[in-house]
Amino acid sequence: MGSEKPQVIFTPDNEPYLGRTLLFHFDQIISATMEQNALIAPRTHSLSLTDHQQMACQVISQALNITLSIRELIRQGYLFGAYVLERALVERAVILFYLHSYPEDIAHWKSGWHQGAAPGLTTMIDKISKTGTNAPKTRGSDMMKPMNSLLHAKPDSAYYNSISLGGTGVGFAPSKILDRPELCDSLCADIIPTLAMIQGMMAAYFPAKSASELH
């Protein structure tokens, strides 16, 4: 018998990180969030949407699309690409939280969210951290450092696509990474609370009986 051909496309039954605990919890929160969206989305078509709700409709749907993209990249073993997308997801979660905490800044979003007029991502995180006991207590620059390294190909981003070459050392994966479960776990640990924050913002912008529905 010849050697088996390497798997080209993985399915939910044979994906490389199947059975990882954090990946299982990631799948659970994806299902819960999509169910929540399925309840909210139809209602938005009959509402007179506020500026904040119009923003939320766009940004939430983008965040969910990115989340599903990250999940599929994990399934196919493209962990590096999944990590690169993390920043885009975090930015949308932060925008939702920030504009809920500082509603007066919706004007900047409506006018294009241009650099200089609108706050940067690290600034938003820093301001959110001062809004209450449930807000994340972290410096924006500290939180964003690894994500920015990945996005801008800084030297320390090498960790995220390094692979063992056996006895010949370490290389950099141009494709699938199938044997780094700790990398999968770390990504899921990052994404789960981000998605939980998006769930909270979905409920905040579209409560069971919003003001728009009472008119």
Foldseek 3Di string as FASTA:
>chain_A
DDDDDDDQAFDQVPFLLPPDPLLVVLVVLLVVLVVLCVVQVVVVVVFPADLLLVLLVVLLVVLNVLSVVLNRCSRRQVLLVSLLSLVVNLQSLLVLLQCVQVVVCSVCVVVPVDPPSHDDQQVSLVVQCPRDDPRDPDGSCVVCVQNVCSNVVPPVVQVRQWDAPPPPGIDGDPDGDRPDNVSVNVSSVSVSVSSVSSSVSSCVSGPPQDPRNVD
